[in-house]
């Protein structure tokens, strides 16, 4: 079985998920600042 391509895809998925989390955290912070 060749998993090189799969591993690369998994890394890309992890990076995208991290970016989504960072964006969500940024929006949460902005939202809290507006509410404060």
Protein backbone atom coordinates (compact mmCIF):
# COMPACT_ATOMS: atom_id res chain seq x y z
CA UNK A 1 0.00 0.00 0.00
CA UNK A 2 1.25 3.50 -0.81
CA UNK A 3 0.44 5.98 1.92
CA UNK A 4 2.72 8.84 0.83
CA UNK A 5 -0.15 10.65 -0.90
CA UNK A 6 -2.50 9.96 1.99
CA UNK A 7 0.01 11.30 4.51
CA UNK A 8 0.40 14.48 2.50
CA UNK A 9 -3.37 14.89 2.36
CA UNK A 10 -3.63 14.35 6.11
CA UNK A 11 -1.03 17.05 6.71
CA UNK A 12 -2.95 19.43 4.47
CA UNK A 13 -6.17 18.61 6.35
CA UNK A 14 -4.46 19.29 9.69
CA UNK A 15 -3.20 22.64 8.43
CA UNK A 16 -6.64 23.62 7.16
CA UNK A 17 -8.27 22.59 10.45
CA UNK A 18 -5.72 24.65 12.39
CA UNK A 19 -6.47 27.67 10.20
CA UNK A 20 -10.22 27.21 10.76
CA UNK A 21 -9.65 27.06 14.54
CA UNK A 22 -7.49 30.19 14.41
CA UNK A 23 -10.15 32.03 12.42
CA UNK A 24 -12.87 30.92 14.86
CA UNK A 25 -10.80 32.07 17.83
CA UNK A 26 -10.22 35.42 16.15
CA UNK A 27 -13.94 35.92 15.55
CA UNK A 28 -14.77 34.86 19.13
CA UNK A 29 -12.32 37.42 20.50
CA UNK A 30 -13.74 40.14 18.28
CA UNK A 31 -17.29 39.21 19.32
CA UNK A 32 -16.38 39.31 23.03
CA UNK A 33 -14.75 42.73 22.58
CA UNK A 34 -17.96 44.04 21.02
CA UNK A 35 -20.06 42.65 23.88
CA UNK A 36 -17.76 44.01 26.62
